[in-house]
Structure formats: structure tokens, C-alpha cells
N, C-alpha and C. Protein backbone atom coordinates (compact mmCIF):
# COMPACT_ATOMS: atom_id res chain seq x y z
N ASP A 1 0.84 -1.22 -0.04
CA ASP A 1 0.07 -0.03 0.04
C ASP A 1 0.87 1.20 -0.01
N ASN A 2 2.18 1.23 0.28
CA ASN A 2 2.77 2.20 0.65
C ASN A 2 3.34 2.84 -0.94
N PRO A 3 3.59 4.01 -1.27
CA PRO A 3 3.92 4.34 -2.53
C PRO A 3 5.16 3.93 -3.14
N GLY A 4 6.05 3.76 -2.10
CA GLY A 4 7.58 3.67 -2.36
C GLY A 4 7.69 2.15 -2.01
N SER A 5 6.96 1.29 -1.65
CA SER A 5 7.11 -0.03 -1.47
C SER A 5 6.90 -0.77 -2.69
N VAL A 6 7.71 -2.03 -2.75
CA VAL A 6 7.77 -2.92 -4.07
C VAL A 6 7.35 -4.33 -3.65
N GLN A 7 6.48 -4.71 -4.38
CA GLN A 7 5.94 -6.20 -4.37
C GLN A 7 7.07 -7.03 -4.96
N VAL A 8 7.45 -8.24 -3.77
CA VAL A 8 8.52 -9.10 -4.38
C VAL A 8 8.13 -10.37 -4.66
N TRP A 9 8.25 -10.73 -5.90
CA TRP A 9 7.96 -12.21 -6.29
C TRP A 9 8.70 -13.07 -5.63
N CYS A 10 8.21 -14.24 -5.20
CA CYS A 10 9.18 -15.30 -4.33
C CYS A 10 8.77 -16.77 -4.94
N PRO A 11 9.80 -17.29 -5.63
CA PRO A 11 9.42 -18.71 -6.33
C PRO A 11 9.08 -19.59 -5.17
N LYS A 12 8.33 -20.63 -5.41
CA LYS A 12 7.87 -21.71 -4.64
C LYS A 12 8.98 -22.29 -3.92
N GLY A 13 8.91 -22.35 -2.49
CA GLY A 13 10.00 -23.31 -2.00
C GLY A 13 11.41 -22.43 -1.67
N MET A 14 11.44 -21.41 -2.20
CA MET A 14 12.85 -20.44 -2.05
C MET A 14 12.30 -19.17 -1.04
N LYS A 15 13.39 -18.90 -0.34
CA LYS A 15 13.32 -18.02 0.55
C LYS A 15 13.89 -16.56 0.38
N ARG A 16 13.47 -15.63 0.25
CA ARG A 16 13.86 -14.29 -0.25
C ARG A 16 13.87 -13.18 1.04
N LEU A 17 14.73 -12.55 1.10
CA LEU A 17 14.83 -11.53 2.11
C LEU A 17 14.65 -10.04 1.32
N PRO A 18 14.34 -8.95 2.38
CA PRO A 18 14.47 -7.55 1.76
C PRO A 18 15.43 -7.22 0.96
N LYS A 19 16.58 -7.71 1.46
CA LYS A 19 17.88 -7.36 0.99
C LYS A 19 18.23 -8.04 -0.52
N ASP A 20 17.37 -8.84 -0.76
CA ASP A 20 17.40 -9.62 -2.05
C ASP A 20 16.56 -9.03 -3.03
N ILE A 21 16.23 -7.78 -3.22
CA ILE A 21 15.42 -7.03 -4.06
C ILE A 21 16.07 -6.51 -5.26
N THR A 22 15.99 -6.86 -6.48
CA THR A 22 16.70 -6.53 -7.50
C THR A 22 15.80 -5.30 -8.32
N GLU A 23 16.36 -5.16 -9.50
CA GLU A 23 15.93 -3.94 -10.47
C GLU A 23 14.85 -5.06 -11.26
N LEU A 24 14.82 -6.26 -11.24
CA LEU A 24 13.98 -7.13 -11.92
C LEU A 24 12.51 -7.08 -11.21
N ASP A 25 12.81 -6.99 -9.75
CA ASP A 25 11.26 -6.98 -8.86
C ASP A 25 10.71 -5.66 -9.01
N VAL A 26 11.45 -4.56 -9.43
CA VAL A 26 10.92 -3.15 -9.41
C VAL A 26 10.34 -3.29 -10.94
N VAL A 27 10.98 -4.00 -11.99
CA VAL A 27 10.55 -3.88 -13.33
C VAL A 27 9.26 -4.76 -13.55
N LEU A 28 8.95 -5.96 -12.93
CA LEU A 28 8.14 -6.67 -12.73
C LEU A 28 6.85 -6.20 -12.18
N ALA A 29 6.98 -5.17 -11.07
CA ALA A 29 5.75 -4.76 -10.31
C ALA A 29 5.28 -3.61 -11.37
N GLU A 30 6.21 -2.86 -11.95
CA GLU A 30 5.84 -1.78 -12.44
C GLU A 30 4.91 -2.35 -13.69
N PHE A 31 5.69 -3.30 -14.66
CA PHE A 31 4.91 -3.67 -15.81
C PHE A 31 3.49 -4.17 -15.36
N GLU A 32 3.48 -5.12 -14.30
CA GLU A 32 2.20 -5.47 -14.15
C GLU A 32 1.20 -4.48 -13.87
N LYS A 33 1.52 -3.29 -13.17
CA LYS A 33 0.53 -2.21 -12.97
C LYS A 33 0.18 -1.49 -14.27
N ILE A 34 1.20 -1.17 -15.41
CA ILE A 34 0.97 -0.71 -16.28
C ILE A 34 0.05 -1.71 -17.32
N ALA A 35 0.20 -3.00 -17.34
CA ALA A 35 -0.60 -3.80 -18.21
C ALA A 35 -1.76 -3.74 -17.68
N ALA A 36 -2.07 -3.62 -16.34
CA ALA A 36 -3.46 -3.92 -15.79
C ALA A 36 -4.19 -2.55 -15.88
N ASP A 37 -3.61 -1.22 -16.37
CA ASP A 37 -4.17 -0.07 -16.26
C ASP A 37 -4.47 -0.21 -18.03
N TYR A 38 -3.43 -0.57 -18.77
CA TYR A 38 -3.94 -0.54 -20.07
C TYR A 38 -4.97 -1.48 -20.60
N LYS A 39 -4.76 -2.88 -19.81
CA LYS A 39 -6.13 -3.52 -20.15
C LYS A 39 -7.39 -3.20 -19.97
N GLN A 40 -7.68 -2.35 -18.84
CA GLN A 40 -8.76 -1.67 -18.60
C GLN A 40 -9.29 -1.02 -19.58
N ARG A 41 -8.56 -0.08 -20.20
CA ARG A 41 -8.83 0.74 -21.18
C ARG A 41 -9.14 -0.05 -22.66
N VAL A 42 -8.76 -1.16 -22.72
CA VAL A 42 -9.01 -1.66 -23.99
C VAL A 42 -10.56 -2.58 -23.86
N ASP A 43 -11.34 -2.05 -24.96
CA ASP A 43 -12.59 -2.78 -24.99
C ASP A 43 -12.69 -4.23 -25.56
N SER A 44 -11.84 -4.28 -26.61
CA SER A 44 -11.70 -5.75 -27.39
C SER A 44 -11.24 -6.99 -26.76
N ASN A 45 -12.12 -7.80 -26.69
CA ASN A 45 -11.66 -8.97 -25.84
C ASN A 45 -10.48 -9.87 -26.56
N THR A 46 -10.51 -9.48 -27.85
CA THR A 46 -9.32 -10.19 -28.47
C THR A 46 -7.97 -9.37 -28.14
N CYS A 47 -8.28 -8.26 -27.98
CA CYS A 47 -6.78 -7.33 -27.45
C CYS A 47 -6.53 -7.64 -26.03
N ARG A 48 -7.48 -7.82 -25.17
CA ARG A 48 -7.05 -8.28 -23.77
C ARG A 48 -6.50 -9.70 -23.86
N LYS A 49 -6.96 -10.67 -24.79
CA LYS A 49 -6.03 -11.93 -24.30
C LYS A 49 -4.87 -11.75 -25.11
N ALA A 50 -4.71 -10.97 -26.10
CA ALA A 50 -3.27 -10.59 -26.61
C ALA A 50 -2.46 -10.20 -25.44
N ILE A 51 -3.04 -9.22 -24.90
CA ILE A 51 -2.57 -8.61 -23.60
C ILE A 51 -1.95 -9.46 -22.77
N ASP A 52 -3.07 -10.21 -22.10
CA ASP A 52 -2.63 -11.55 -21.11
C ASP A 52 -1.54 -12.34 -21.64
N GLY A 53 -1.76 -12.60 -22.79
CA GLY A 53 -0.71 -13.73 -23.25
C GLY A 53 0.76 -13.12 -23.38
N PHE A 54 0.73 -11.89 -23.71
CA PHE A 54 2.07 -11.15 -23.59
C PHE A 54 2.66 -11.08 -22.18
N CYS A 55 1.67 -10.59 -21.30
CA CYS A 55 2.11 -10.29 -20.15
C CYS A 55 2.58 -11.75 -19.47
N SER A 56 1.90 -12.78 -19.63
CA SER A 56 2.02 -13.91 -18.95
C SER A 56 3.56 -14.44 -19.54
N GLY A 57 3.90 -14.33 -20.80
CA GLY A 57 5.31 -14.46 -21.22
C GLY A 57 6.29 -13.67 -20.87
N PHE A 58 6.04 -12.57 -20.66
CA PHE A 58 6.95 -11.38 -20.23
C PHE A 58 7.15 -11.94 -18.67
N LYS A 59 6.20 -11.87 -17.96
CA LYS A 59 6.28 -12.39 -16.50
C LYS A 59 7.04 -13.76 -16.37
N ASP A 60 6.82 -14.55 -17.14
CA ASP A 60 7.78 -15.95 -17.03
C ASP A 60 9.00 -15.73 -17.26
N GLN A 61 9.28 -14.72 -18.23
CA GLN A 61 11.02 -14.64 -18.46
C GLN A 61 11.83 -13.85 -17.13
N ILE A 62 10.75 -12.87 -16.89
CA ILE A 62 11.62 -12.13 -15.65
C ILE A 62 11.49 -12.72 -14.15
N THR A 63 10.64 -13.90 -14.07
CA THR A 63 10.66 -14.48 -13.09
C THR A 63 11.67 -15.64 -13.19
N ASP A 64 11.94 -16.21 -14.22
CA ASP A 64 12.96 -17.06 -14.32
C ASP A 64 14.36 -16.27 -14.10
N LEU A 65 14.61 -15.06 -14.64
CA LEU A 65 15.42 -14.14 -14.20
C LEU A 65 15.85 -13.97 -12.68
N ILE A 66 14.59 -13.78 -12.11
CA ILE A 66 14.85 -13.73 -10.43
C ILE A 66 15.05 -14.84 -9.83
N THR A 67 14.58 -15.70 -10.29
CA THR A 67 14.77 -17.44 -9.95
C THR A 67 16.47 -17.78 -9.89
N GLU A 68 16.95 -17.50 -11.33
CA GLU A 68 18.13 -17.64 -11.29
C GLU A 68 19.05 -16.93 -10.59
N VAL A 69 18.88 -15.39 -10.27
CA VAL A 69 19.67 -14.54 -9.73
C VAL A 69 19.71 -14.82 -8.19
N GLN A 70 18.42 -15.08 -7.80
CA GLN A 70 18.15 -15.47 -6.30
C GLN A 70 19.18 -16.88 -5.99
N LYS A 71 18.94 -17.94 -6.92
CA LYS A 71 19.82 -19.17 -6.67
C LYS A 71 21.13 -18.91 -6.85
N LEU A 72 21.79 -17.78 -7.50
CA LEU A 72 23.07 -17.59 -7.34
C LEU A 72 23.54 -16.92 -5.92
N LYS A 73 22.80 -15.99 -5.57
CA LYS A 73 22.81 -15.36 -4.17
C LYS A 73 23.06 -16.47 -3.01
N ASN A 74 22.24 -17.23 -3.21
CA ASN A 74 21.84 -18.36 -1.98
C ASN A 74 23.34 -19.05 -2.02
N VAL A 75 23.66 -19.34 -3.43
CA VAL A 75 25.14 -20.11 -3.47
C VAL A 75 26.02 -19.31 -2.76
N LYS A 76 26.28 -18.22 -3.23
CA LYS A 76 27.30 -17.18 -2.58
C LYS A 76 27.24 -17.20 -1.37
N ARG A 77 26.11 -17.15 -0.53
CA ARG A 77 25.94 -16.90 0.78
C ARG A 77 26.45 -18.31 1.38
N ARG A 78 26.19 -19.40 0.98
CA ARG A 78 26.44 -20.90 1.44
C ARG A 78 27.97 -20.89 1.28
N ASN A 79 28.51 -20.28 0.06
CA ASN A 79 30.00 -20.62 -0.33
C ASN A 79 30.64 -19.77 0.73
N ALA A 80 30.15 -18.51 1.21
CA ALA A 80 30.67 -17.51 2.22
C ALA A 80 30.58 -18.19 3.71
N LYS A 81 29.61 -18.84 3.90
CA LYS A 81 29.59 -19.48 5.25
C LYS A 81 30.54 -20.53 5.27
N VAL A 82 30.68 -21.29 4.17
CA VAL A 82 31.63 -22.58 4.15
C VAL A 82 32.84 -22.01 4.17
N ILE A 83 33.51 -20.93 3.79
CA ILE A 83 34.63 -20.20 3.73
C ILE A 83 35.00 -19.72 5.11
N THR A 84 34.12 -19.29 5.78
CA THR A 84 34.17 -18.83 7.18
C THR A 84 34.33 -20.04 8.07
N ASP A 85 33.48 -20.95 7.92
CA ASP A 85 33.90 -22.20 8.54
C ASP A 85 34.88 -23.04 8.58
N ILE A 86 35.32 -22.89 7.39
CA ILE A 86 36.66 -23.43 6.84
C ILE A 86 38.12 -22.63 7.53
N LYS A 87 38.02 -21.34 7.70
CA LYS A 87 38.88 -20.52 8.04
C LYS A 87 39.02 -20.62 9.92
N LYS A 88 37.68 -20.78 10.44
CA LYS A 88 37.63 -21.34 11.72
C LYS A 88 38.33 -22.61 12.33
N LYS A 89 38.08 -23.65 11.25
CA LYS A 89 38.47 -24.88 11.39
C LYS A 89 39.94 -24.97 11.20
N ARG A 90 40.59 -24.08 10.21
CA ARG A 90 42.13 -24.16 9.97
C ARG A 90 42.78 -23.30 11.18
N GLN A 91 42.23 -22.12 11.88
CA GLN A 91 42.57 -21.75 12.98
C GLN A 91 42.73 -22.74 14.17
N ARG A 92 41.44 -23.41 14.39
CA ARG A 92 41.60 -24.35 15.44
C ARG A 92 42.42 -25.47 15.08
N LEU A 93 42.69 -26.00 13.76
CA LEU A 93 43.77 -26.84 13.53
C LEU A 93 45.26 -26.49 14.00
N LEU A 94 45.44 -25.40 13.39
CA LEU A 94 46.79 -24.70 14.16
C LEU A 94 47.14 -24.47 15.43
N GLN A 95 45.92 -24.23 16.45
CA GLN A 95 45.91 -24.03 17.92
C GLN A 95 46.37 -25.45 18.21
N VAL A 96 45.47 -26.54 17.76
CA VAL A 96 45.58 -27.85 18.47
C VAL A 96 47.16 -28.39 17.93
N SER A 97 47.72 -27.82 16.67
CA SER A 97 49.03 -28.51 16.50
C SER A 97 49.95 -28.01 17.11
N GLU A 98 49.85 -26.52 17.89
CA GLU A 98 50.86 -26.05 18.47
C GLU A 98 50.43 -26.75 20.10
N GLU A 99 49.41 -26.76 20.51
CA GLU A 99 49.23 -27.49 21.76
C GLU A 99 49.76 -29.03 21.72
N LEU A 100 49.76 -29.80 20.51
CA LEU A 100 50.32 -31.01 20.37
C LEU A 100 51.82 -31.04 20.28
N MET A 101 52.62 -29.86 19.61
CA MET A 101 53.91 -29.79 19.81
C MET A 101 54.48 -29.59 21.41
N GLY A 102 53.60 -28.77 21.90
CA GLY A 102 53.86 -28.61 23.27
C GLY A 102 53.81 -29.56 24.21
N THR A 103 52.68 -30.38 24.03
CA THR A 103 52.42 -31.53 24.88
C THR A 103 53.47 -32.77 24.36
N GLU A 104 54.00 -32.65 23.14
CA GLU A 104 55.05 -33.74 22.79
C GLU A 104 56.36 -33.45 23.65
N GLN A 105 56.75 -32.02 23.58
CA GLN A 105 57.86 -31.63 24.25
C GLN A 105 57.82 -32.25 25.50
N GLN A 106 56.52 -31.75 26.33
CA GLN A 106 56.38 -32.13 27.77
C GLN A 106 56.54 -33.71 27.82
N LEU A 107 56.08 -34.27 26.98
CA LEU A 107 55.95 -35.78 27.36
C LEU A 107 57.53 -36.41 27.18
N LYS A 108 58.37 -35.74 26.17
CA LYS A 108 59.78 -36.20 26.14
C LYS A 108 60.43 -35.99 27.33
N GLN A 109 60.03 -34.66 27.94
CA GLN A 109 60.70 -34.07 29.19
C GLN A 109 60.26 -35.20 30.47
N LEU A 110 59.05 -35.72 30.46
CA LEU A 110 58.54 -36.38 31.46
C LEU A 110 59.27 -37.75 31.50
N GLN A 111 59.46 -38.24 30.05
CA GLN A 111 59.80 -39.51 29.76
C GLN A 111 61.45 -39.51 30.11
N SER A 112 62.03 -38.53 29.86
CA SER A 112 63.40 -38.25 30.16
C SER A 112 63.80 -38.36 31.76
N GLU A 113 62.91 -37.63 32.53
CA GLU A 113 62.89 -37.72 33.93
C GLU A 113 62.76 -38.92 34.56
N TYR A 114 61.58 -39.77 33.84
CA TYR A 114 60.98 -41.09 34.38
C TYR A 114 62.14 -41.86 34.31
N ALA A 115 63.04 -41.82 33.33
CA ALA A 115 63.88 -42.70 33.02
C ALA A 115 65.20 -42.53 34.10
N GLN A 116 65.51 -41.17 34.30
CA GLN A 116 66.40 -41.12 35.30
C GLN A 116 65.95 -41.64 36.70
N LEU A 117 64.77 -41.49 36.96
CA LEU A 117 64.43 -41.62 38.25
C LEU A 117 64.36 -43.39 38.44
N LYS A 118 63.90 -43.84 37.45
CA LYS A 118 64.16 -45.47 37.39
C LYS A 118 65.56 -45.75 37.47
N GLU A 119 66.40 -45.10 36.65
CA GLU A 119 67.87 -45.50 37.20
C GLU A 119 68.26 -45.48 38.28
N ARG A 120 67.78 -44.29 39.09
CA ARG A 120 68.19 -43.98 40.53
C ARG A 120 67.61 -45.00 41.40
N GLU A 121 66.21 -45.48 41.16
CA GLU A 121 65.66 -46.35 42.08
C GLU A 121 66.38 -47.51 41.87
N SER A 122 66.66 -48.03 40.68
CA SER A 122 67.38 -49.48 40.63
C SER A 122 68.92 -49.38 41.25
N SER A 123 69.54 -48.14 41.27
CA SER A 123 70.80 -48.14 41.81
C SER A 123 70.49 -48.01 43.52
N LEU A 124 69.42 -47.51 44.03
CA LEU A 124 69.44 -47.51 45.17
C LEU A 124 68.74 -48.90 46.03
N ARG A 125 67.91 -49.54 44.85
CA ARG A 125 67.49 -50.81 45.36
C ARG A 125 68.60 -51.56 45.68
N GLN A 126 69.72 -51.60 44.56
CA GLN A 126 70.76 -52.46 44.78
C GLN A 126 71.53 -52.05 45.86
N ALA A 127 71.65 -50.77 46.16
CA ALA A 127 72.56 -50.26 47.54
C ALA A 127 71.70 -50.84 48.83
N THR A 128 70.48 -50.73 48.70
CA THR A 128 69.57 -51.10 50.11
C THR A 128 69.91 -52.91 50.05
N GLN A 129 69.67 -53.42 49.14
CA GLN A 129 70.08 -54.95 49.30
C GLN A 129 71.63 -55.49 49.60
N PHE A 130 72.52 -54.39 49.24
CA PHE A 130 73.94 -54.46 49.75
C PHE A 130 73.80 -54.28 51.23
N LEU A 131 73.05 -53.23 51.75
CA LEU A 131 73.13 -52.96 53.27
C LEU A 131 72.28 -54.15 54.06
N ILE A 132 71.19 -54.57 53.53
CA ILE A 132 70.67 -55.88 53.98
C ILE A 132 71.69 -56.93 54.19
N ASP A 133 72.19 -57.26 53.06
CA ASP A 133 72.95 -58.41 53.03
C ASP A 133 74.43 -58.12 54.38
N LEU A 134 74.72 -56.77 54.18
CA LEU A 134 75.77 -56.60 55.05
C LEU A 134 75.39 -56.55 56.58
N LYS A 135 73.91 -56.29 56.74
CA LYS A 135 73.70 -56.51 58.20
C LYS A 135 73.34 -57.80 58.60
N GLU A 136 72.85 -58.76 57.78
CA GLU A 136 72.67 -60.13 57.81
C GLU A 136 74.31 -60.72 58.18
N LEU A 137 75.18 -60.35 57.55
CA LEU A 137 76.54 -60.77 57.71
C LEU A 137 76.89 -60.38 59.27
N GLN A 138 76.73 -58.99 59.61
CA GLN A 138 77.25 -58.80 60.83
C GLN A 138 76.52 -59.57 61.98
N GLN A 139 75.28 -59.96 61.63
CA GLN A 139 74.46 -60.67 62.72
C GLN A 139 75.05 -62.23 62.75
N ASP A 140 75.39 -62.48 61.63
CA ASP A 140 75.93 -63.90 61.50
C ASP A 140 77.38 -63.75 62.45
N CYS A 141 78.12 -62.96 62.32
CA CYS A 141 79.36 -62.73 63.19
C CYS A 141 79.27 -62.63 64.45
N LEU A 142 78.04 -61.94 64.82
CA LEU A 142 77.86 -61.67 66.23
C LEU A 142 77.43 -63.05 66.89
N ASP A 143 76.55 -63.89 66.04
CA ASP A 143 76.18 -65.04 66.56
C ASP A 143 77.11 -66.10 66.77
N TYR A 144 78.16 -66.14 65.80
CA TYR A 144 79.28 -67.07 65.76
C TYR A 144 80.02 -66.53 66.98
N ARG A 145 80.26 -65.21 67.37
CA ARG A 145 81.18 -64.88 68.60
C ARG A 145 80.53 -65.44 69.68
N GLU A 146 79.29 -65.23 69.96
CA GLU A 146 78.56 -65.60 71.22
C GLU A 146 78.53 -67.22 71.36
N GLU A 147 78.67 -67.94 70.21
CA GLU A 147 78.76 -69.40 70.37
C GLU A 147 80.01 -69.91 70.55
N ASN A 148 81.11 -69.11 70.22
CA ASN A 148 82.47 -69.34 70.49
C ASN A 148 83.44 -68.36 71.07
N PRO A 149 82.95 -68.03 72.26
CA PRO A 149 83.59 -66.97 72.95
C PRO A 149 84.99 -67.17 73.20
N GLU A 150 85.63 -68.23 73.23
CA GLU A 150 87.20 -68.42 73.72
C GLU A 150 87.84 -68.34 72.46
N GLU A 151 87.21 -68.15 71.42
CA GLU A 151 88.21 -68.08 69.82
C GLU A 151 88.90 -66.69 70.06
N LYS A 152 90.04 -66.55 69.66
CA LYS A 152 90.61 -65.32 69.68
C LYS A 152 89.89 -64.50 68.30
N VAL A 153 89.80 -63.37 68.32
CA VAL A 153 89.33 -62.76 67.10
C VAL A 153 90.72 -62.00 66.52
N ALA A 154 90.79 -62.13 65.46
CA ALA A 154 91.90 -61.60 64.65
C ALA A 154 91.39 -60.32 63.94
N TYR A 155 91.95 -59.25 63.80
CA TYR A 155 91.65 -57.71 63.20
C TYR A 155 92.82 -57.45 62.18
N GLY A 156 92.77 -58.36 60.92
CA GLY A 156 93.53 -57.76 59.95
C GLY A 156 92.88 -57.13 58.82
N THR A 157 93.45 -56.05 58.05
CA THR A 157 92.93 -55.38 56.87
C THR A 157 91.93 -56.23 56.23
N SER A 158 92.03 -57.28 55.76
CA SER A 158 90.99 -58.27 55.24
C SER A 158 90.16 -59.22 55.68
N SER A 159 90.31 -59.22 57.33
CA SER A 159 89.36 -59.94 58.44
C SER A 159 88.04 -59.77 58.40
N LEU A 160 87.02 -60.53 58.56
CA LEU A 160 85.77 -60.21 58.65
C LEU A 160 85.25 -59.37 59.47
N PRO A 161 86.02 -59.54 60.92
CA PRO A 161 85.62 -58.65 62.11
C PRO A 161 85.95 -57.11 61.66
N ALA A 162 87.39 -56.89 60.86
CA ALA A 162 87.46 -55.81 60.54
C ALA A 162 86.46 -54.89 59.73
N LEU A 163 86.20 -55.79 58.64
CA LEU A 163 85.05 -55.50 57.68
C LEU A 163 83.83 -55.00 58.29
N LEU A 164 83.43 -55.79 59.45
CA LEU A 164 82.21 -55.81 60.05
C LEU A 164 82.43 -53.94 60.88
N VAL A 165 83.44 -54.05 61.39
CA VAL A 165 83.44 -52.66 62.10
C VAL A 165 83.38 -51.50 61.35
N GLU A 166 84.18 -51.62 60.19
CA GLU A 166 84.03 -50.41 59.18
C GLU A 166 82.67 -50.34 58.38
N SER A 167 81.92 -51.49 58.72
CA SER A 167 80.52 -51.53 57.92
C SER A 167 79.55 -50.86 58.97
N ARG A 168 79.99 -50.53 60.00
CA ARG A 168 79.06 -49.68 61.06
C ARG A 168 78.53 -48.58 60.41
N ARG A 169 79.91 -47.94 60.25
CA ARG A 169 79.65 -46.45 59.39
C ARG A 169 78.50 -46.59 58.09
N ILE A 170 78.49 -47.61 57.42
CA ILE A 170 77.80 -47.47 56.16
C ILE A 170 76.30 -48.00 56.66
N LEU A 171 76.17 -49.10 57.49
CA LEU A 171 75.00 -49.20 57.95
C LEU A 171 74.16 -48.34 58.77
N GLY A 172 74.87 -47.23 59.29
CA GLY A 172 74.29 -45.98 59.71
C GLY A 172 73.78 -45.29 59.02
N ALA A 173 73.94 -45.40 57.59
CA ALA A 173 73.15 -44.74 56.47
C ALA A 173 71.98 -45.33 55.93
N GLU A 174 71.72 -46.68 56.48
CA GLU A 174 70.81 -47.39 55.94
C GLU A 174 69.06 -46.61 55.89
N LYS A 175 68.96 -45.97 57.35
CA LYS A 175 67.89 -45.06 57.53
C LYS A 175 67.84 -44.00 56.35
N HIS A 176 68.79 -43.38 56.14
CA HIS A 176 69.07 -42.18 55.05
C HIS A 176 68.42 -42.72 53.59
N PHE A 177 68.98 -43.93 53.37
CA PHE A 177 68.85 -44.69 52.09
C PHE A 177 67.25 -44.93 51.94
N LYS A 178 66.53 -45.49 53.28
CA LYS A 178 65.32 -45.99 53.31
C LYS A 178 64.49 -44.58 52.83
N ASN A 179 64.78 -43.25 53.47
CA ASN A 179 64.28 -42.04 53.21
C ASN A 179 64.16 -41.74 51.75
N ILE A 180 65.31 -41.90 51.30
CA ILE A 180 65.66 -41.41 49.80
C ILE A 180 64.75 -42.41 49.01
N ASN A 181 64.70 -43.75 49.26
CA ASN A 181 63.80 -44.45 48.62
C ASN A 181 62.36 -44.47 48.67
N THR A 182 61.84 -43.81 49.59
CA THR A 182 60.42 -43.43 49.81
C THR A 182 60.19 -42.35 49.12
N ARG A 183 61.05 -41.35 48.85
CA ARG A 183 61.01 -39.97 48.00
C ARG A 183 60.81 -40.36 46.70
N LEU A 184 61.81 -41.15 46.32
CA LEU A 184 62.03 -41.60 44.87
C LEU A 184 60.64 -42.32 44.43
N GLU A 185 60.17 -43.33 45.49
CA GLU A 185 59.09 -43.77 44.74
C GLU A 185 57.72 -42.94 44.42
N GLU A 186 57.91 -42.06 45.40
CA GLU A 186 56.58 -40.99 45.50
C GLU A 186 56.65 -40.02 44.28
N ALA A 187 58.18 -39.90 43.89
CA ALA A 187 58.52 -39.11 42.75
C ALA A 187 58.25 -39.76 41.31
N LEU A 188 58.40 -41.21 41.45
CA LEU A 188 57.92 -42.12 40.25
C LEU A 188 56.65 -42.17 40.13
N ASP A 189 55.95 -42.39 41.07
CA ASP A 189 54.17 -42.49 41.17
C ASP A 189 53.73 -41.14 40.33
N VAL A 190 54.33 -39.80 40.93
CA VAL A 190 53.80 -38.72 40.32
C VAL A 190 54.40 -38.61 38.71
N GLN A 191 55.45 -39.01 38.28
CA GLN A 191 55.65 -39.39 37.01
C GLN A 191 55.03 -40.14 36.12
N ARG A 192 54.80 -41.19 36.85
CA ARG A 192 53.71 -42.16 36.17
C ARG A 192 52.20 -41.46 35.70
N GLN A 193 51.82 -40.78 36.88
CA GLN A 193 50.65 -40.23 36.62
C GLN A 193 50.40 -39.21 35.70
N LYS A 194 51.58 -38.46 35.55
CA LYS A 194 51.72 -37.37 34.49
C LYS A 194 51.83 -37.90 33.07
N LEU A 195 52.45 -39.23 32.87
CA LEU A 195 52.69 -39.97 31.67
C LEU A 195 51.36 -40.57 31.11
N SER A 196 50.67 -40.95 32.37
CA SER A 196 49.33 -41.66 31.92
C SER A 196 48.37 -40.62 31.49
N LYS A 197 48.32 -39.46 32.06
CA LYS A 197 47.59 -38.36 31.84
C LYS A 197 47.95 -37.93 30.27
N LYS A 198 49.07 -37.72 29.93
CA LYS A 198 49.48 -37.36 28.51
C LYS A 198 48.88 -38.26 27.44
N HIS A 199 48.99 -39.74 27.72
CA HIS A 199 48.51 -40.55 26.84
C HIS A 199 47.00 -40.83 26.77
């Protein structure tokens, strides 16, 4: 009803927005007005039929053009949306790649630390086993001396008693080794958890 408004022709099954209006819509609307006015001023039925036939053919051509233009616009919109999605996914892919590279470096560092801790744990276990064996040897010697008190003890540089006397200093470190072993096992547990989370 507004003098400045334009009636938009919309193909069946196709959505059109106000921004989709083209010169073809204006031409079609004005042509239909002019044809209707002219038809009213014609008295001959033959002329009116001729006008209807011409108008119908002209409208078909214009609406075909409008449909093709609208399809092209829709394709461009879809392409623009696809391009935007591709850019977002590419950006996300780059972020994930950077995160993955950082994670791989952290994983290598954790694996290296884990290997060092395992090596230290193995050395500590060997030292602990040595202390246990040395303690058992000392107890065997003490038991032997209790059973044979009359036997004279010789203290040479390579004698067992001399070695046992020297071992007292080493055995004093047993508790220290146990504390280190406990801490080392805790550190290994932490490294195992970190490695398992990375995988």
C-alpha cells in the first residue's frame, strides 16, 4: 500500500529477504501495473487476450531471471559460510597443532625424567640390598662370637671382623637410604600419573 514499497515475487520453495530485491522485482511490479491499467482501457476481448498472453510470457521470463539470480545469491551465501567455517577450523587446527607440539615436548621431558628416576631407583635398590646383606653378615658374625667366645678374634685389614667394624659406618646410612627410597618412589608415582594423563 505504501507508494514507495515494491511487491517482491518469491519462487515456490525459495526464501527471499528484503535485501534480495533487485531491479527485476521493480520492473516486474511496474510492468504488471502498467499492463493492468492498459488492459482496463481496452474494450476488445481479443486485445485483452493478446495483452494477457504477452504479459504472461514476459512475466515468465522475468521470474525465471529472478529465480536464477536468487539461486546465485544463495550459492554465494553458502560459499561464504563454508569459507568462514573452513577458516575457523583451520585456525583451530593450528592451535591444536601448537598444543600438540608443546605436549610432545612435555612428554619427552617427562619420559627423560622418568628414565632418570628409574635408574636412580635401581641403584638405590641395589644399595639397599647390599646394606641388608651386610647387616645379615654382621648378625652372623655376632652369633658366631657368642657361640665361640673362647676363639681369639684377629683384626687384619682383610679379616671379617675388621670389615664388620668398618661396615657400622655404612649401616648407619641405612635409614637415610630408606628415606631417599620413599621419596624416589613418590616421585616415580607422580611421573607415572603425568605420563598416563598425557596418553
